[in-house]
Amino acid sequence: MDFLVIDDDKTFRDATCLLIDSEGHYAKRRASGELGLTELKEGKFDAVLLDLNLGAENGLDILEQILKRQPNLPVIHFYRPGQW
C-alpha cells in the first residue's frame, strides 16, 4: 500500500514513515497540508495519515479538501496537542 503522511512534526512524520516502510509499504511524507494536497494531485495513494494540528494550517480544512477531491480515499486523522 502507498501512504501519504501529512504532519508538521518532522520527528513524528519520519518515525511514522519508517514504521510504514518497515512493514513493506511505501510512505511519502509532507510537512504541510498544502504540500500534501499538491502531492495528492500528482500521485496515487491508498490512504492518508493526517495530523489535524498543523501549526498555522487548520487540519480540518485540509481534511475537507482531501475528501472533496477524493471522497473514497481513506483518511486517518489524528490530533496531538502541543509538543511532547
N, C-alpha and C. Protein backbone atom coordinates (compact mmCIF):
# COMPACT_ATOMS: atom_id res chain seq x y z
N MET A 1 0.84 -1.18 0.00
CA MET A 1 0.00 0.00 0.00
C MET A 1 0.88 1.24 0.00
N ASP A 2 0.37 2.29 -0.59
CA ASP A 2 1.06 3.58 -0.63
C ASP A 2 0.34 4.57 0.25
N PHE A 3 1.08 5.17 1.18
CA PHE A 3 0.52 6.11 2.14
C PHE A 3 1.10 7.50 1.93
N LEU A 4 0.28 8.51 2.19
CA LEU A 4 0.74 9.88 2.27
C LEU A 4 0.61 10.31 3.72
N VAL A 5 1.72 10.74 4.31
CA VAL A 5 1.73 11.17 5.71
C VAL A 5 1.90 12.69 5.73
N ILE A 6 0.91 13.39 6.28
CA ILE A 6 0.95 14.85 6.36
C ILE A 6 1.01 15.23 7.83
N ASP A 7 2.17 15.76 8.23
CA ASP A 7 2.38 16.14 9.63
C ASP A 7 3.51 17.16 9.68
N ASP A 8 3.32 18.24 10.43
CA ASP A 8 4.34 19.27 10.52
C ASP A 8 5.45 18.93 11.51
N ASP A 9 5.27 17.90 12.30
CA ASP A 9 6.28 17.47 13.27
C ASP A 9 7.21 16.46 12.57
N LYS A 10 8.42 16.91 12.25
CA LYS A 10 9.35 16.07 11.48
C LYS A 10 9.66 14.74 12.16
N THR A 11 9.88 14.77 13.45
CA THR A 11 10.21 13.54 14.17
C THR A 11 9.08 12.53 14.07
N PHE A 12 7.85 12.96 14.32
CA PHE A 12 6.70 12.06 14.26
C PHE A 12 6.47 11.59 12.82
N ARG A 13 6.59 12.52 11.87
CA ARG A 13 6.39 12.19 10.45
C ARG A 13 7.41 11.14 10.00
N ASP A 14 8.68 11.37 10.32
CA ASP A 14 9.72 10.42 9.90
C ASP A 14 9.56 9.06 10.57
N ALA A 15 9.22 9.05 11.86
CA ALA A 15 9.03 7.79 12.58
C ALA A 15 7.85 7.00 12.00
N THR A 16 6.78 7.70 11.68
CA THR A 16 5.61 7.05 11.10
C THR A 16 5.96 6.42 9.75
N CYS A 17 6.69 7.16 8.94
CA CYS A 17 7.08 6.65 7.62
C CYS A 17 8.04 5.47 7.73
N LEU A 18 8.96 5.53 8.68
CA LEU A 18 9.86 4.40 8.89
C LEU A 18 9.09 3.14 9.28
N LEU A 19 8.10 3.29 10.14
CA LEU A 19 7.27 2.15 10.54
C LEU A 19 6.52 1.57 9.35
N ILE A 20 5.92 2.46 8.55
CA ILE A 20 5.19 2.00 7.36
C ILE A 20 6.14 1.28 6.40
N ASP A 21 7.30 1.89 6.15
CA ASP A 21 8.28 1.27 5.24
C ASP A 21 8.76 -0.08 5.77
N SER A 22 8.95 -0.18 7.09
CA SER A 22 9.44 -1.44 7.67
C SER A 22 8.44 -2.58 7.52
N GLU A 23 7.19 -2.24 7.29
CA GLU A 23 6.15 -3.26 7.08
C GLU A 23 5.98 -3.60 5.60
N GLY A 24 6.86 -3.06 4.77
CA GLY A 24 6.83 -3.40 3.35
C GLY A 24 5.94 -2.51 2.50
N HIS A 25 5.50 -1.39 3.05
CA HIS A 25 4.67 -0.46 2.30
C HIS A 25 5.49 0.77 1.95
N TYR A 26 4.87 1.68 1.19
CA TYR A 26 5.54 2.91 0.78
C TYR A 26 4.88 4.10 1.48
N ALA A 27 5.68 5.03 1.97
CA ALA A 27 5.16 6.22 2.63
C ALA A 27 5.84 7.47 2.08
N LYS A 28 5.03 8.38 1.59
CA LYS A 28 5.52 9.68 1.13
C LYS A 28 5.20 10.68 2.23
N ARG A 29 6.14 11.54 2.58
CA ARG A 29 5.93 12.47 3.69
C ARG A 29 5.88 13.90 3.21
N ARG A 30 4.95 14.64 3.81
CA ARG A 30 4.83 16.06 3.52
C ARG A 30 4.61 16.81 4.83
N ALA A 31 5.24 18.00 4.92
CA ALA A 31 5.27 18.76 6.18
C ALA A 31 4.12 19.74 6.34
N SER A 32 3.28 19.89 5.32
CA SER A 32 2.15 20.83 5.44
C SER A 32 0.96 20.30 4.65
N GLY A 33 -0.19 20.85 4.98
CA GLY A 33 -1.40 20.45 4.27
C GLY A 33 -1.35 20.84 2.80
N GLU A 34 -0.84 22.04 2.53
CA GLU A 34 -0.76 22.48 1.14
C GLU A 34 0.15 21.58 0.31
N LEU A 35 1.30 21.21 0.88
CA LEU A 35 2.20 20.29 0.17
C LEU A 35 1.55 18.92 -0.01
N GLY A 36 0.79 18.49 0.99
CA GLY A 36 0.08 17.22 0.89
C GLY A 36 -0.97 17.24 -0.20
N LEU A 37 -1.71 18.35 -0.30
CA LEU A 37 -2.73 18.47 -1.33
C LEU A 37 -2.10 18.46 -2.73
N THR A 38 -0.96 19.12 -2.86
CA THR A 38 -0.24 19.10 -4.14
C THR A 38 0.19 17.68 -4.48
N GLU A 39 0.68 16.96 -3.49
CA GLU A 39 1.13 15.58 -3.70
C GLU A 39 -0.04 14.69 -4.14
N LEU A 40 -1.22 14.93 -3.58
CA LEU A 40 -2.39 14.14 -3.96
C LEU A 40 -2.77 14.35 -5.42
N LYS A 41 -2.51 15.55 -5.94
CA LYS A 41 -2.78 15.81 -7.36
C LYS A 41 -1.84 15.02 -8.25
N GLU A 42 -0.60 14.84 -7.78
CA GLU A 42 0.45 14.26 -8.61
C GLU A 42 0.60 12.75 -8.44
N GLY A 43 0.20 12.21 -7.29
CA GLY A 43 0.42 10.80 -7.02
C GLY A 43 -0.85 10.05 -6.68
N LYS A 44 -0.72 8.75 -6.63
CA LYS A 44 -1.85 7.88 -6.26
C LYS A 44 -1.51 7.22 -4.95
N PHE A 45 -2.41 7.36 -3.98
CA PHE A 45 -2.20 6.80 -2.65
C PHE A 45 -3.40 5.96 -2.25
N ASP A 46 -3.13 4.96 -1.40
CA ASP A 46 -4.19 4.11 -0.90
C ASP A 46 -4.83 4.68 0.36
N ALA A 47 -4.08 5.53 1.08
CA ALA A 47 -4.60 6.14 2.31
C ALA A 47 -3.74 7.33 2.70
N VAL A 48 -4.32 8.22 3.50
CA VAL A 48 -3.63 9.39 4.01
C VAL A 48 -3.66 9.36 5.53
N LEU A 49 -2.52 9.66 6.15
CA LEU A 49 -2.46 9.88 7.59
C LEU A 49 -2.29 11.38 7.77
N LEU A 50 -3.23 12.03 8.44
CA LEU A 50 -3.28 13.48 8.52
C LEU A 50 -3.32 13.96 9.96
N ASP A 51 -2.36 14.79 10.31
CA ASP A 51 -2.36 15.47 11.61
C ASP A 51 -3.32 16.65 11.51
N LEU A 52 -4.28 16.74 12.40
CA LEU A 52 -5.23 17.85 12.37
C LEU A 52 -4.64 19.11 13.00
N ASN A 53 -3.55 18.98 13.73
CA ASN A 53 -2.89 20.12 14.36
C ASN A 53 -1.64 20.45 13.54
N LEU A 54 -1.84 21.22 12.46
CA LEU A 54 -0.76 21.50 11.52
C LEU A 54 -0.17 22.90 11.70
N GLY A 55 -0.07 23.37 12.90
CA GLY A 55 0.50 24.68 13.12
C GLY A 55 -0.41 25.78 12.61
N ALA A 56 0.05 26.53 11.62
CA ALA A 56 -0.73 27.65 11.09
C ALA A 56 -1.92 27.21 10.25
N GLU A 57 -1.89 25.99 9.77
CA GLU A 57 -2.98 25.48 8.94
C GLU A 57 -4.03 24.78 9.80
N ASN A 58 -5.25 24.79 9.34
CA ASN A 58 -6.33 24.08 10.01
C ASN A 58 -6.46 22.71 9.35
N GLY A 59 -6.12 21.68 10.10
CA GLY A 59 -6.17 20.33 9.56
C GLY A 59 -7.56 19.90 9.11
N LEU A 60 -8.60 20.44 9.75
CA LEU A 60 -9.96 20.11 9.33
C LEU A 60 -10.25 20.65 7.94
N ASP A 61 -9.70 21.82 7.61
CA ASP A 61 -9.85 22.36 6.26
C ASP A 61 -9.14 21.48 5.24
N ILE A 62 -7.96 21.00 5.61
CA ILE A 62 -7.22 20.10 4.71
C ILE A 62 -7.99 18.80 4.52
N LEU A 63 -8.53 18.26 5.61
CA LEU A 63 -9.34 17.05 5.52
C LEU A 63 -10.52 17.25 4.58
N GLU A 64 -11.20 18.37 4.70
CA GLU A 64 -12.34 18.67 3.84
C GLU A 64 -11.91 18.72 2.37
N GLN A 65 -10.78 19.35 2.09
CA GLN A 65 -10.30 19.44 0.71
C GLN A 65 -9.91 18.07 0.15
N ILE A 66 -9.29 17.25 0.99
CA ILE A 66 -8.94 15.89 0.54
C ILE A 66 -10.20 15.13 0.16
N LEU A 67 -11.20 15.18 1.03
CA LEU A 67 -12.43 14.41 0.79
C LEU A 67 -13.23 14.95 -0.39
N LYS A 68 -13.13 16.24 -0.67
CA LYS A 68 -13.79 16.80 -1.86
C LYS A 68 -13.13 16.28 -3.13
N ARG A 69 -11.81 16.19 -3.10
CA ARG A 69 -11.06 15.77 -4.28
C ARG A 69 -11.12 14.26 -4.50
N GLN A 70 -11.05 13.51 -3.41
CA GLN A 70 -11.03 12.05 -3.50
C GLN A 70 -11.91 11.47 -2.39
N PRO A 71 -13.22 11.51 -2.57
CA PRO A 71 -14.14 11.11 -1.50
C PRO A 71 -14.01 9.67 -1.02
N ASN A 72 -13.45 8.79 -1.83
CA ASN A 72 -13.31 7.39 -1.44
C ASN A 72 -11.95 7.06 -0.84
N LEU A 73 -11.08 8.05 -0.74
CA LEU A 73 -9.74 7.83 -0.20
C LEU A 73 -9.81 7.76 1.32
N PRO A 74 -9.35 6.67 1.93
CA PRO A 74 -9.36 6.59 3.40
C PRO A 74 -8.38 7.62 3.99
N VAL A 75 -8.86 8.37 4.98
CA VAL A 75 -8.03 9.34 5.67
C VAL A 75 -8.08 9.04 7.16
N ILE A 76 -6.93 8.74 7.71
CA ILE A 76 -6.81 8.52 9.15
C ILE A 76 -6.30 9.83 9.72
N HIS A 77 -7.14 10.47 10.53
CA HIS A 77 -6.73 11.76 11.07
C HIS A 77 -6.55 11.65 12.57
N PHE A 78 -5.61 12.43 13.07
CA PHE A 78 -5.27 12.38 14.49
C PHE A 78 -4.95 13.78 14.97
N TYR A 79 -5.00 13.97 16.25
CA TYR A 79 -4.74 15.27 16.87
C TYR A 79 -3.79 15.08 18.02
N ARG A 80 -2.67 15.76 17.97
CA ARG A 80 -1.68 15.73 19.04
C ARG A 80 -1.46 17.16 19.50
N PRO A 81 -2.10 17.59 20.58
CA PRO A 81 -1.94 18.97 21.02
C PRO A 81 -0.55 19.24 21.56
N GLY A 82 0.00 20.39 21.20
CA GLY A 82 1.27 20.84 21.75
C GLY A 82 2.44 19.95 21.38
N GLN A 83 3.56 20.21 22.01
CA GLN A 83 4.77 19.42 21.79
C GLN A 83 4.87 18.33 22.86
N TRP A 84 5.67 17.33 22.60
CA TRP A 84 5.83 16.21 23.51
C TRP A 84 6.59 16.63 24.72
